[in-house]
Amino acid sequence: MKWIADRPSRLARHAPAPGPRPANGRSHQAARPAALAGLGALVRRAHAAVLALLAAFALAGCAAIDPSEYSSEKPRLDLRSYFDGTIDAWGIFQDRSGRVVRRFTVVIRASWDGDLGTLDEDFTYSDGEREKRVWTIRRRDDGSYVGTADDVVGEATGVAAGNALNWRYTLALKVDDEVYQVDFDDWMFLVDEDVMLNRAVMSKFGIRLGEVFLSFRRRR
Protein backbone atom coordinates (compact mmCIF):
# COMPACT_ATOMS: atom_id res chain seq x y z
CA MET A 1 0.00 0.00 0.00
CA LYS A 2 1.22 2.12 1.87
CA TRP A 3 5.96 3.01 0.75
CA ILE A 4 15.98 7.32 3.79
CA ALA A 5 18.31 8.36 6.27
CA ASP A 6 20.79 11.10 5.48
CA ARG A 7 23.76 9.23 6.80
CA PRO A 8 26.05 6.44 5.56
CA SER A 9 24.61 2.94 5.95
CA ARG A 10 25.51 -0.64 5.42
CA LEU A 11 24.14 -0.33 1.87
CA ALA A 12 27.24 1.55 0.82
CA ARG A 13 29.18 -1.60 1.57
CA HIS A 14 26.76 -3.98 -0.13
CA ALA A 15 25.69 -2.11 -3.26
CA PRO A 16 27.64 -3.66 -6.18
CA ALA A 17 27.34 -0.79 -8.59
CA PRO A 18 27.50 3.00 -8.24
CA GLY A 19 24.68 3.70 -7.86
CA PRO A 20 11.12 11.04 2.60
CA ARG A 21 9.72 13.06 6.46
CA PRO A 22 6.39 13.64 7.93
CA ALA A 23 6.32 15.85 10.97
CA ASN A 24 4.16 14.07 13.49
CA GLY A 25 4.92 15.97 16.60
CA ARG A 26 6.94 13.10 18.02
CA SER A 27 10.61 12.75 18.79
CA HIS A 28 11.47 11.32 15.35
CA GLN A 29 13.27 13.80 13.16
CA ALA A 30 12.27 12.04 9.96
CA ALA A 31 9.50 9.67 8.89
CA ARG A 32 10.18 7.63 5.83
CA PRO A 33 8.85 4.49 4.16
CA ALA A 34 10.54 1.27 5.18
CA ALA A 35 11.83 0.72 1.69
CA LEU A 36 14.02 3.80 1.89
CA ALA A 37 15.43 3.72 5.36
CA GLY A 38 19.20 3.69 5.11
CA LEU A 39 19.28 3.99 1.32
CA GLY A 40 20.95 7.37 1.17
CA ALA A 41 24.34 6.09 0.03
CA LEU A 42 22.77 3.81 -2.58
CA VAL A 43 20.65 6.59 -4.09
CA ARG A 44 23.54 9.04 -4.13
CA ARG A 45 25.82 6.62 -5.98
CA ALA A 46 23.06 5.30 -8.24
CA HIS A 47 22.11 8.79 -9.38
CA ALA A 48 25.42 9.33 -11.14
CA ALA A 49 25.37 5.83 -12.61
CA VAL A 50 21.87 6.32 -14.00
CA LEU A 51 22.85 9.49 -15.82
CA ALA A 52 25.76 7.67 -17.43
CA LEU A 53 23.55 4.75 -18.46
CA LEU A 54 21.01 7.05 -20.06
CA ALA A 55 23.72 8.65 -22.10
CA ALA A 56 24.79 5.21 -23.33
CA PHE A 57 21.43 3.81 -24.46
CA ALA A 58 17.79 4.81 -24.97
CA LEU A 59 15.18 3.65 -22.53
CA ALA A 60 13.36 0.63 -23.90
CA GLY A 61 11.28 -0.61 -20.98
CA CYS A 62 8.72 -3.36 -21.03
CA ALA A 63 5.07 -2.43 -21.30
CA ALA A 64 3.57 -1.85 -17.86
CA ILE A 65 1.14 -4.43 -16.54
CA ASP A 66 -2.43 -3.15 -16.39
CA PRO A 67 -4.23 -3.87 -13.09
CA SER A 68 -7.30 -4.91 -15.10
CA GLU A 69 -5.48 -8.16 -15.91
CA TYR A 70 -6.31 -9.23 -12.33
CA SER A 71 -9.98 -8.17 -12.43
CA SER A 72 -11.27 -11.73 -12.18
CA GLU A 73 -9.02 -12.69 -9.26
CA LYS A 74 -10.47 -13.21 -5.81
CA PRO A 75 -10.73 -12.31 -3.01
CA ARG A 76 -11.46 -8.75 -4.11
CA LEU A 77 -9.22 -6.12 -2.52
CA ASP A 78 -10.85 -3.07 -0.95
CA LEU A 79 -8.37 -0.96 1.03
CA ARG A 80 -11.16 0.26 3.31
CA SER A 81 -11.88 -3.31 4.38
CA TYR A 82 -8.32 -4.64 4.62
CA PHE A 83 -6.62 -1.64 6.21
CA ASP A 84 -9.04 -1.33 9.10
CA GLY A 85 -7.66 -1.88 12.58
CA THR A 86 -4.14 -3.16 13.28
CA ILE A 87 -2.01 -4.85 10.64
CA ASP A 88 1.44 -6.38 11.09
CA ALA A 89 3.99 -6.58 8.27
CA TRP A 90 7.41 -8.11 7.72
CA GLY A 91 9.72 -6.98 4.95
CA ILE A 92 13.13 -6.92 3.30
CA PHE A 93 14.92 -4.54 0.97
CA GLN A 94 17.10 -5.90 -1.84
CA ASP A 95 19.66 -3.85 -3.76
CA ARG A 96 20.20 -4.03 -7.52
CA SER A 97 22.14 -7.29 -7.25
CA GLY A 98 19.39 -9.00 -5.22
CA ARG A 99 21.33 -8.90 -1.95
CA VAL A 100 19.15 -8.38 1.13
CA VAL A 101 20.45 -5.22 2.77
CA ARG A 102 17.70 -4.37 5.28
CA ARG A 103 15.07 -6.27 7.27
CA PHE A 104 12.18 -4.69 9.13
CA THR A 105 8.78 -5.12 10.76
CA VAL A 106 5.85 -2.70 10.63
CA VAL A 107 2.81 -2.15 12.83
CA ILE A 108 0.06 -0.28 10.98
CA ARG A 109 -2.90 1.30 12.76
CA ALA A 110 -5.50 2.07 10.13
CA SER A 111 -8.88 3.79 10.29
CA TRP A 112 -11.41 5.23 7.84
CA ASP A 113 -13.99 7.99 7.95
CA GLY A 114 -16.11 7.21 4.92
CA ASP A 115 -13.76 7.27 1.93
CA LEU A 116 -10.90 8.98 3.80
CA GLY A 117 -8.37 6.74 5.50
CA THR A 118 -5.31 7.14 7.72
CA LEU A 119 -2.48 4.61 7.91
CA ASP A 120 -0.19 5.27 10.87
CA GLU A 121 2.91 3.11 10.32
CA ASP A 122 5.64 2.33 12.90
CA PHE A 123 8.79 0.62 11.60
CA THR A 124 11.38 -1.38 13.53
CA TYR A 125 14.57 -2.42 11.73
CA SER A 126 16.88 -5.34 12.38
CA ASP A 127 19.51 -2.96 13.79
CA GLY A 128 17.03 -1.56 16.34
CA GLU A 129 16.26 1.69 14.54
CA ARG A 130 12.66 2.91 14.71
CA GLU A 131 10.77 5.23 12.36
CA LYS A 132 7.25 6.41 11.60
CA ARG A 133 5.29 7.31 8.49
CA VAL A 134 1.67 8.43 8.06
CA TRP A 135 -0.39 8.02 4.88
CA THR A 136 -3.66 9.83 4.16
CA ILE A 137 -5.63 7.90 1.53
CA ARG A 138 -8.83 8.84 -0.29
CA ARG A 139 -11.03 6.52 -2.34
CA ARG A 140 -12.40 8.25 -5.42
CA ASP A 141 -15.81 7.70 -7.00
CA ASP A 142 -14.35 5.52 -9.75
CA GLY A 143 -12.86 3.12 -7.16
CA SER A 144 -9.28 4.33 -7.56
CA TYR A 145 -7.24 5.81 -4.72
CA VAL A 146 -5.01 8.81 -4.09
CA GLY A 147 -2.59 9.07 -1.21
CA THR A 148 -0.40 11.72 0.37
CA ALA A 149 2.44 11.86 2.86
CA ASP A 150 4.95 14.56 3.68
CA ASP A 151 7.68 12.97 1.54
CA VAL A 152 5.48 12.16 -1.48
CA VAL A 153 5.83 14.49 -4.46
CA GLY A 154 2.27 15.42 -5.35
CA GLU A 155 -0.07 12.47 -4.89
CA ALA A 156 0.31 8.72 -5.04
CA THR A 157 -2.24 7.14 -7.38
CA GLY A 158 -3.63 3.66 -6.95
CA VAL A 159 -5.74 1.47 -9.22
CA ALA A 160 -7.41 -1.65 -7.83
CA ALA A 161 -8.77 -4.60 -9.80
CA GLY A 162 -9.69 -8.03 -8.48
CA ASN A 163 -7.25 -8.95 -5.71
CA ALA A 164 -4.58 -6.43 -6.81
CA LEU A 165 -3.68 -2.81 -6.25
CA ASN A 166 -1.00 -0.87 -8.13
CA TRP A 167 0.40 2.24 -6.42
CA ARG A 168 2.60 4.68 -8.36
CA TYR A 169 4.30 7.59 -6.69
CA THR A 170 7.44 9.69 -6.48
CA LEU A 171 9.28 10.25 -3.23
CA ALA A 172 11.60 13.13 -2.39
CA LEU A 173 14.65 11.55 -0.78
CA LYS A 174 16.97 13.82 1.14
CA VAL A 175 20.57 12.66 0.99
CA ASP A 176 22.97 14.99 2.80
CA ASP A 177 22.22 18.40 1.24
CA GLU A 178 20.63 17.01 -1.92
CA VAL A 179 17.06 15.91 -2.66
CA TYR A 180 16.47 13.13 -5.21
CA GLN A 181 13.09 12.26 -6.68
CA VAL A 182 12.75 8.47 -6.91
CA ASP A 183 9.86 6.57 -8.50
CA PHE A 184 8.00 3.63 -6.94
CA ASP A 185 5.95 1.00 -8.77
CA ASP A 186 4.17 -0.73 -5.89
CA TRP A 187 1.97 -3.82 -6.23
CA MET A 188 -0.20 -5.41 -3.53
CA PHE A 189 -1.94 -8.79 -3.87
CA LEU A 190 -4.59 -10.01 -1.44
CA VAL A 191 -4.09 -13.73 -0.71
CA ASP A 192 -6.98 -14.20 1.71
CA GLU A 193 -8.96 -11.98 4.06
CA ASP A 194 -5.99 -11.67 6.42
CA VAL A 195 -2.81 -11.97 4.30
CA MET A 196 -1.55 -9.62 1.61
CA LEU A 197 1.77 -9.61 -0.28
CA ASN A 198 3.54 -6.48 -1.51
CA ARG A 199 6.36 -5.94 -4.03
CA ALA A 200 7.68 -2.47 -4.85
CA VAL A 201 10.33 -1.50 -7.39
CA MET A 202 12.33 1.67 -6.78
CA SER A 203 13.81 3.36 -9.87
CA LYS A 204 15.40 6.54 -11.13
CA PHE A 205 15.05 7.56 -14.80
CA GLY A 206 13.65 4.07 -15.43
CA ILE A 207 16.71 2.33 -13.98
CA ARG A 208 15.94 -0.11 -11.14
CA LEU A 209 17.69 0.73 -7.87
CA GLY A 210 16.20 -1.95 -5.65
CA GLU A 211 13.09 -3.81 -4.57
CA VAL A 212 11.03 -4.16 -1.41
CA PHE A 213 9.02 -7.23 -0.40
CA LEU A 214 6.46 -7.26 2.42
CA SER A 215 3.94 -9.66 3.88
CA PHE A 216 0.93 -8.16 5.70
CA ARG A 217 -1.33 -9.91 8.20
CA ARG A 218 -4.40 -8.44 9.89
CA ARG A 219 -4.73 -8.90 13.64
CA ARG A 220 -7.83 -10.67 14.89
C-alpha atoms as a PDB file:
ATOM      1  CA  MET A   1       0.000   0.000   0.000  1.00  0.00           C
ATOM      2  CA  LYS A   2       1.215   2.118   1.867  1.00  0.00           C
ATOM      3  CA  TRP A   3       5.957   3.005   0.754  1.00  0.00           C
ATOM      4  CA  ILE A   4      15.978   7.320   3.793  1.00  0.00           C
ATOM      5  CA  ALA A   5      18.311   8.357   6.274  1.00  0.00           C
ATOM      6  CA  ASP A   6      20.795  11.102   5.478  1.00  0.00           C
ATOM      7  CA  ARG A   7      23.758   9.226   6.799  1.00  0.00           C
ATOM      8  CA  PRO A   8      26.048   6.435   5.562  1.00  0.00           C
ATOM      9  CA  SER A   9      24.605   2.943   5.946  1.00  0.00           C
ATOM     10  CA  ARG A  10      25.508  -0.637   5.420  1.00  0.00           C
ATOM     11  CA  LEU A  11      24.137  -0.327   1.873  1.00  0.00           C
ATOM     12  CA  ALA A  12      27.244   1.545   0.823  1.00  0.00           C
ATOM     13  CA  ARG A  13      29.179  -1.600   1.570  1.00  0.00           C
ATOM     14  CA  HIS A  14      26.763  -3.975  -0.134  1.00  0.00           C
ATOM     15  CA  ALA A  15      25.693  -2.108  -3.260  1.00  0.00           C
ATOM     16  CA  PRO A  16      27.641  -3.662  -6.177  1.00  0.00           C
ATOM     17  CA  ALA A  17      27.345  -0.791  -8.592  1.00  0.00           C
ATOM     18  CA  PRO A  18      27.504   3.000  -8.237  1.00  0.00           C
ATOM     19  CA  GLY A  19      24.678   3.697  -7.858  1.00  0.00           C
ATOM     20  CA  PRO A  20      11.119  11.039   2.601  1.00  0.00           C
ATOM     21  CA  ARG A  21       9.722  13.056   6.460  1.00  0.00           C
ATOM     22  CA  PRO A  22       6.395  13.644   7.929  1.00  0.00           C
ATOM     23  CA  ALA A  23       6.319  15.847  10.972  1.00  0.00           C
ATOM     24  CA  ASN A  24       4.163  14.067  13.487  1.00  0.00           C
ATOM     25  CA  GLY A  25       4.917  15.965  16.599  1.00  0.00           C
ATOM     26  CA  ARG A  26       6.944  13.097  18.020  1.00  0.00           C
ATOM     27  CA  SER A  27      10.606  12.753  18.785  1.00  0.00           C
ATOM     28  CA  HIS A  28      11.472  11.324  15.351  1.00  0.00           C
ATOM     29  CA  GLN A  29      13.272  13.798  13.161  1.00  0.00           C
ATOM     30  CA  ALA A  30      12.271  12.044   9.963  1.00  0.00           C
ATOM     31  CA  ALA A  31       9.504   9.670   8.893  1.00  0.00           C
ATOM     32  CA  ARG A  32      10.176   7.626   5.827  1.00  0.00           C
ATOM     33  CA  PRO A  33       8.851   4.494   4.163  1.00  0.00           C
ATOM     34  CA  ALA A  34      10.542   1.275   5.179  1.00  0.00           C
ATOM     35  CA  ALA A  35      11.830   0.719   1.694  1.00  0.00           C
ATOM     36  CA  LEU A  36      14.022   3.799   1.887  1.00  0.00           C
ATOM     37  CA  ALA A  37      15.433   3.716   5.364  1.00  0.00           C
ATOM     38  CA  GLY A  38      19.204   3.689   5.114  1.00  0.00           C
ATOM     39  CA  LEU A  39      19.277   3.988   1.324  1.00  0.00           C
ATOM     40  CA  GLY A  40      20.954   7.371   1.171  1.00  0.00           C
ATOM     41  CA  ALA A  41      24.337   6.089   0.032  1.00  0.00           C
ATOM     42  CA  LEU A  42      22.766   3.812  -2.584  1.00  0.00           C
ATOM     43  CA  VAL A  43      20.650   6.588  -4.092  1.00  0.00           C
ATOM     44  CA  ARG A  44      23.545   9.039  -4.130  1.00  0.00           C
ATOM     45  CA  ARG A  45      25.817   6.617  -5.977  1.00  0.00           C
ATOM     46  CA  ALA A  46      23.060   5.297  -8.244  1.00  0.00           C
ATOM     47  CA  HIS A  47      22.114   8.788  -9.381  1.00  0.00           C
ATOM     48  CA  ALA A  48      25.422   9.334 -11.144  1.00  0.00           C
ATOM     49  CA  ALA A  49      25.369   5.832 -12.615  1.00  0.00           C
ATOM     50  CA  VAL A  50      21.868   6.319 -14.000  1.00  0.00           C
ATOM     51  CA  LEU A  51      22.851   9.491 -15.825  1.00  0.00           C
ATOM     52  CA  ALA A  52      25.763   7.666 -17.431  1.00  0.00           C
ATOM     53  CA  LEU A  53      23.548   4.751 -18.463  1.00  0.00           C
ATOM     54  CA  LEU A  54      21.010   7.053 -20.056  1.00  0.00           C
ATOM     55  CA  ALA A  55      23.723   8.648 -22.100  1.00  0.00           C
ATOM     56  CA  ALA A  56      24.791   5.211 -23.330  1.00  0.00           C
ATOM     57  CA  PHE A  57      21.426   3.808 -24.458  1.00  0.00           C
ATOM     58  CA  ALA A  58      17.787   4.808 -24.975  1.00  0.00           C
ATOM     59  CA  LEU A  59      15.177   3.646 -22.533  1.00  0.00           C
ATOM     60  CA  ALA A  60      13.361   0.634 -23.896  1.00  0.00           C
ATOM     61  CA  GLY A  61      11.280  -0.606 -20.976  1.00  0.00           C
ATOM     62  CA  CYS A  62       8.721  -3.361 -21.028  1.00  0.00           C
ATOM     63  CA  ALA A  63       5.070  -2.433 -21.298  1.00  0.00           C
ATOM     64  CA  ALA A  64       3.567  -1.848 -17.863  1.00  0.00           C
ATOM     65  CA  ILE A  65       1.136  -4.432 -16.543  1.00  0.00           C
ATOM     66  CA  ASP A  66      -2.431  -3.145 -16.390  1.00  0.00           C
ATOM     67  CA  PRO A  67      -4.231  -3.869 -13.089  1.00  0.00           C
ATOM     68  CA  SER A  68      -7.295  -4.908 -15.105  1.00  0.00           C
ATOM     69  CA  GLU A  69      -5.478  -8.157 -15.909  1.00  0.00           C
ATOM     70  CA  TYR A  70      -6.312  -9.229 -12.334  1.00  0.00           C
ATOM     71  CA  SER A  71      -9.975  -8.165 -12.425  1.00  0.00           C
ATOM     72  CA  SER A  72     -11.268 -11.729 -12.181  1.00  0.00           C
ATOM     73  CA  GLU A  73      -9.016 -12.695  -9.260  1.00  0.00           C
ATOM     74  CA  LYS A  74     -10.467 -13.213  -5.812  1.00  0.00           C
ATOM     75  CA  PRO A  75     -10.729 -12.307  -3.005  1.00  0.00           C
ATOM     76  CA  ARG A  76     -11.456  -8.754  -4.108  1.00  0.00           C
ATOM     77  CA  LEU A  77      -9.216  -6.120  -2.519  1.00  0.00           C
ATOM     78  CA  ASP A  78     -10.853  -3.066  -0.953  1.00  0.00           C
ATOM     79  CA  LEU A  79      -8.369  -0.962   1.030  1.00  0.00           C
ATOM     80  CA  ARG A  80     -11.164   0.257   3.312  1.00  0.00           C
ATOM     81  CA  SER A  81     -11.876  -3.309   4.385  1.00  0.00           C
ATOM     82  CA  TYR A  82      -8.325  -4.638   4.617  1.00  0.00           C
ATOM     83  CA  PHE A  83      -6.618  -1.635   6.213  1.00  0.00           C
ATOM     84  CA  ASP A  84      -9.035  -1.331   9.099  1.00  0.00           C
ATOM     85  CA  GLY A  85      -7.659  -1.884  12.583  1.00  0.00           C
ATOM     86  CA  THR A  86      -4.142  -3.155  13.284  1.00  0.00           C
ATOM     87  CA  ILE A  87      -2.015  -4.850  10.640  1.00  0.00           C
ATOM     88  CA  ASP A  88       1.439  -6.383  11.093  1.00  0.00           C
ATOM     89  CA  ALA A  89       3.987  -6.583   8.271  1.00  0.00           C
ATOM     90  CA  TRP A  90       7.413  -8.114   7.724  1.00  0.00           C
ATOM     91  CA  GLY A  91       9.715  -6.976   4.947  1.00  0.00           C
ATOM     92  CA  ILE A  92      13.134  -6.920   3.297  1.00  0.00           C
ATOM     93  CA  PHE A  93      14.923  -4.539   0.969  1.00  0.00           C
ATOM     94  CA  GLN A  94      17.104  -5.897  -1.843  1.00  0.00           C
ATOM     95  CA  ASP A  95      19.663  -3.849  -3.757  1.00  0.00           C
ATOM     96  CA  ARG A  96      20.196  -4.026  -7.524  1.00  0.00           C
ATOM     97  CA  SER A  97      22.142  -7.286  -7.246  1.00  0.00           C
ATOM     98  CA  GLY A  98      19.391  -9.003  -5.222  1.00  0.00           C
ATOM     99  CA  ARG A  99      21.328  -8.904  -1.951  1.00  0.00           C
ATOM    100  CA  VAL A 100      19.154  -8.379   1.134  1.00  0.00           C
ATOM    101  CA  VAL A 101      20.446  -5.222   2.766  1.00  0.00           C
ATOM    102  CA  ARG A 102      17.700  -4.367   5.278  1.00  0.00           C
ATOM    103  CA  ARG A 103      15.075  -6.274   7.272  1.00  0.00           C
ATOM    104  CA  PHE A 104      12.176  -4.688   9.131  1.00  0.00           C
ATOM    105  CA  THR A 105       8.783  -5.116  10.764  1.00  0.00           C
ATOM    106  CA  VAL A 106       5.845  -2.700  10.631  1.00  0.00           C
ATOM    107  CA  VAL A 107       2.813  -2.148  12.832  1.00  0.00           C
ATOM    108  CA  ILE A 108       0.056  -0.276  10.981  1.00  0.00           C
ATOM    109  CA  ARG A 109      -2.899   1.298  12.765  1.00  0.00           C
ATOM    110  CA  ALA A 110      -5.503   2.071  10.134  1.00  0.00           C
ATOM    111  CA  SER A 111      -8.877   3.794  10.286  1.00  0.00           C
ATOM    112  CA  TRP A 112     -11.414   5.234   7.845  1.00  0.00           C
ATOM    113  CA  ASP A 113     -13.986   7.986   7.946  1.00  0.00           C
ATOM    114  CA  GLY A 114     -16.112   7.210   4.918  1.00  0.00           C
ATOM    115  CA  ASP A 115     -13.757   7.268   1.927  1.00  0.00           C
ATOM    116  CA  LEU A 116     -10.897   8.981   3.795  1.00  0.00           C
ATOM    117  CA  GLY A 117      -8.369   6.736   5.502  1.00  0.00           C
ATOM    118  CA  THR A 118      -5.309   7.145   7.721  1.00  0.00           C
ATOM    119  CA  LEU A 119      -2.483   4.607   7.908  1.00  0.00           C
ATOM    120  CA  ASP A 120      -0.190   5.272  10.866  1.00  0.00           C
ATOM    121  CA  GLU A 121       2.912   3.112  10.322  1.00  0.00           C
ATOM    122  CA  ASP A 122       5.638   2.331  12.897  1.00  0.00           C
ATOM    123  CA  PHE A 123       8.788   0.616  11.603  1.00  0.00           C
ATOM    124  CA  THR A 124      11.380  -1.376  13.529  1.00  0.00           C
ATOM    125  CA  TYR A 125      14.575  -2.424  11.734  1.00  0.00           C
ATOM    126  CA  SER A 126      16.879  -5.340  12.382  1.00  0.00           C
ATOM    127  CA  ASP A 127      19.510  -2.955  13.791  1.00  0.00           C
ATOM    128  CA  GLY A 128      17.032  -1.563  16.336  1.00  0.00           C
ATOM    129  CA  GLU A 129      16.265   1.691  14.542  1.00  0.00           C
ATOM    130  CA  ARG A 130      12.661   2.911  14.710  1.00  0.00           C
ATOM    131  CA  GLU A 131      10.774   5.233  12.361  1.00  0.00           C
ATOM    132  CA  LYS A 132       7.249   6.414  11.603  1.00  0.00           C
ATOM    133  CA  ARG A 133       5.290   7.312   8.495  1.00  0.00           C
ATOM    134  CA  VAL A 134       1.665   8.428   8.059  1.00  0.00           C
ATOM    135  CA  TRP A 135      -0.387   8.025   4.881  1.00  0.00           C
ATOM    136  CA  THR A 136      -3.660   9.829   4.159  1.00  0.00           C
ATOM    137  CA  ILE A 137      -5.632   7.904   1.526  1.00  0.00           C
ATOM    138  CA  ARG A 138      -8.829   8.843  -0.288  1.00  0.00           C
ATOM    139  CA  ARG A 139     -11.026   6.519  -2.335  1.00  0.00           C
ATOM    140  CA  ARG A 140     -12.404   8.255  -5.417  1.00  0.00           C
ATOM    141  CA  ASP A 141     -15.810   7.704  -6.997  1.00  0.00           C
ATOM    142  CA  ASP A 142     -14.349   5.515  -9.746  1.00  0.00           C
ATOM    143  CA  GLY A 143     -12.862   3.117  -7.165  1.00  0.00           C
ATOM    144  CA  SER A 144      -9.280   4.327  -7.560  1.00  0.00           C
ATOM    145  CA  TYR A 145      -7.238   5.810  -4.715  1.00  0.00           C
ATOM    146  CA  VAL A 146      -5.013   8.809  -4.089  1.00  0.00           C
ATOM    147  CA  GLY A 147      -2.587   9.074  -1.209  1.00  0.00           C
ATOM    148  CA  THR A 148      -0.397  11.725   0.369  1.00  0.00           C
ATOM    149  CA  ALA A 149       2.439  11.862   2.862  1.00  0.00           C
ATOM    150  CA  ASP A 150       4.950  14.560   3.675  1.00  0.00           C
ATOM    151  CA  ASP A 151       7.677  12.967   1.539  1.00  0.00           C
ATOM    152  CA  VAL A 152       5.484  12.163  -1.480  1.00  0.00           C
ATOM    153  CA  VAL A 153       5.826  14.491  -4.461  1.00  0.00           C
ATOM    154  CA  GLY A 154       2.275  15.421  -5.353  1.00  0.00           C
ATOM    155  CA  GLU A 155      -0.067  12.471  -4.891  1.00  0.00           C
ATOM    156  CA  ALA A 156       0.311   8.723  -5.041  1.00  0.00           C
ATOM    157  CA  THR A 157      -2.236   7.144  -7.377  1.00  0.00           C
ATOM    158  CA  GLY A 158      -3.630   3.660  -6.954  1.00  0.00           C
ATOM    159  CA  VAL A 159      -5.739   1.470  -9.225  1.00  0.00           C
ATOM    160  CA  ALA A 160      -7.414  -1.646  -7.834  1.00  0.00           C
ATOM    161  CA  ALA A 161      -8.772  -4.601  -9.804  1.00  0.00           C
ATOM    162  CA  GLY A 162      -9.689  -8.028  -8.482  1.00  0.00           C
ATOM    163  CA  ASN A 163      -7.253  -8.951  -5.706  1.00  0.00           C
ATOM    164  CA  ALA A 164      -4.583  -6.434  -6.813  1.00  0.00           C
ATOM    165  CA  LEU A 165      -3.675  -2.808  -6.251  1.00  0.00           C
ATOM    166  CA  ASN A 166      -0.996  -0.866  -8.127  1.00  0.00           C
ATOM    167  CA  TRP A 167       0.398   2.239  -6.425  1.00  0.00           C
ATOM    168  CA  ARG A 168       2.597   4.678  -8.357  1.00  0.00           C
ATOM    169  CA  TYR A 169       4.300   7.594  -6.694  1.00  0.00           C
ATOM    170  CA  THR A 170       7.439   9.690  -6.482  1.00  0.00           C
ATOM    171  CA  LEU A 171       9.283  10.248  -3.226  1.00  0.00           C
ATOM    172  CA  ALA A 172      11.598  13.134  -2.392  1.00  0.00           C
ATOM    173  CA  LEU A 173      14.648  11.552  -0.784  1.00  0.00           C
ATOM    174  CA  LYS A 174      16.972  13.823   1.138  1.00  0.00           C
ATOM    175  CA  VAL A 175      20.573  12.659   0.987  1.00  0.00           C
ATOM    176  CA  ASP A 176      22.972  14.993   2.797  1.00  0.00           C
ATOM    177  CA  ASP A 177      22.220  18.400   1.237  1.00  0.00           C
ATOM    178  CA  GLU A 178      20.630  17.007  -1.924  1.00  0.00           C
ATOM    179  CA  VAL A 179      17.062  15.910  -2.659  1.00  0.00           C
ATOM    180  CA  TYR A 180      16.475  13.130  -5.212  1.00  0.00           C
ATOM    181  CA  GLN A 181      13.093  12.257  -6.676  1.00  0.00           C
ATOM    182  CA  VAL A 182      12.747   8.467  -6.906  1.00  0.00           C
ATOM    183  CA  ASP A 183       9.859   6.569  -8.496  1.00  0.00           C
ATOM    184  CA  PHE A 184       8.004   3.635  -6.937  1.00  0.00           C
ATOM    185  CA  ASP A 185       5.950   1.000  -8.766  1.00  0.00           C
ATOM    186  CA  ASP A 186       4.170  -0.726  -5.894  1.00  0.00           C
ATOM    187  CA  TRP A 187       1.969  -3.824  -6.234  1.00  0.00           C
ATOM    188  CA  MET A 188      -0.200  -5.409  -3.534  1.00  0.00           C
ATOM    189  CA  PHE A 189      -1.941  -8.788  -3.868  1.00  0.00           C
ATOM    190  CA  LEU A 190      -4.589 -10.011  -1.439  1.00  0.00           C
ATOM    191  CA  VAL A 191      -4.086 -13.730  -0.714  1.00  0.00           C
ATOM    192  CA  ASP A 192      -6.978 -14.200   1.710  1.00  0.00           C
ATOM    193  CA  GLU A 193      -8.963 -11.985   4.059  1.00  0.00           C
ATOM    194  CA  ASP A 194      -5.986 -11.670   6.423  1.00  0.00           C
ATOM    195  CA  VAL A 195      -2.815 -11.971   4.303  1.00  0.00           C
ATOM    196  CA  MET A 196      -1.553  -9.616   1.609  1.00  0.00           C
ATOM    197  CA  LEU A 197       1.773  -9.606  -0.281  1.00  0.00           C
ATOM    198  CA  ASN A 198       3.543  -6.478  -1.507  1.00  0.00           C
ATOM    199  CA  ARG A 199       6.358  -5.940  -4.031  1.00  0.00           C
ATOM    200  CA  ALA A 200       7.678  -2.474  -4.845  1.00  0.00           C
ATOM    201  CA  VAL A 201      10.333  -1.499  -7.387  1.00  0.00           C
ATOM    202  CA  MET A 202      12.333   1.668  -6.779  1.00  0.00           C
ATOM    203  CA  SER A 203      13.810   3.365  -9.867  1.00  0.00           C
ATOM    204  CA  LYS A 204      15.402   6.540 -11.131  1.00  0.00           C
ATOM    205  CA  PHE A 205      15.048   7.558 -14.801  1.00  0.00           C
ATOM    206  CA  GLY A 206      13.654   4.074 -15.433  1.00  0.00           C
ATOM    207  CA  ILE A 207      16.710   2.331 -13.985  1.00  0.00           C
ATOM    208  CA  ARG A 208      15.936  -0.107 -11.144  1.00  0.00           C
ATOM    209  CA  LEU A 209      17.687   0.735  -7.872  1.00  0.00           C
ATOM    210  CA  GLY A 210      16.201  -1.948  -5.649  1.00  0.00           C
ATOM    211  CA  GLU A 211      13.086  -3.810  -4.569  1.00  0.00           C
ATOM    212  CA  VAL A 212      11.025  -4.155  -1.414  1.00  0.00           C
ATOM    213  CA  PHE A 213       9.021  -7.230  -0.403  1.00  0.00           C
ATOM    214  CA  LEU A 214       6.459  -7.260   2.421  1.00  0.00           C
ATOM    215  CA  SER A 215       3.940  -9.658   3.880  1.00  0.00           C
ATOM    216  CA  PHE A 216       0.931  -8.158   5.705  1.00  0.00           C
ATOM    217  CA  ARG A 217      -1.326  -9.910   8.203  1.00  0.00           C
ATOM    218  CA  ARG A 218      -4.402  -8.441   9.885  1.00  0.00           C
ATOM    219  CA  ARG A 219      -4.731  -8.903  13.637  1.00  0.00           C
ATOM    220  CA  ARG A 220      -7.826 -10.668  14.894  1.00  0.00           C
END
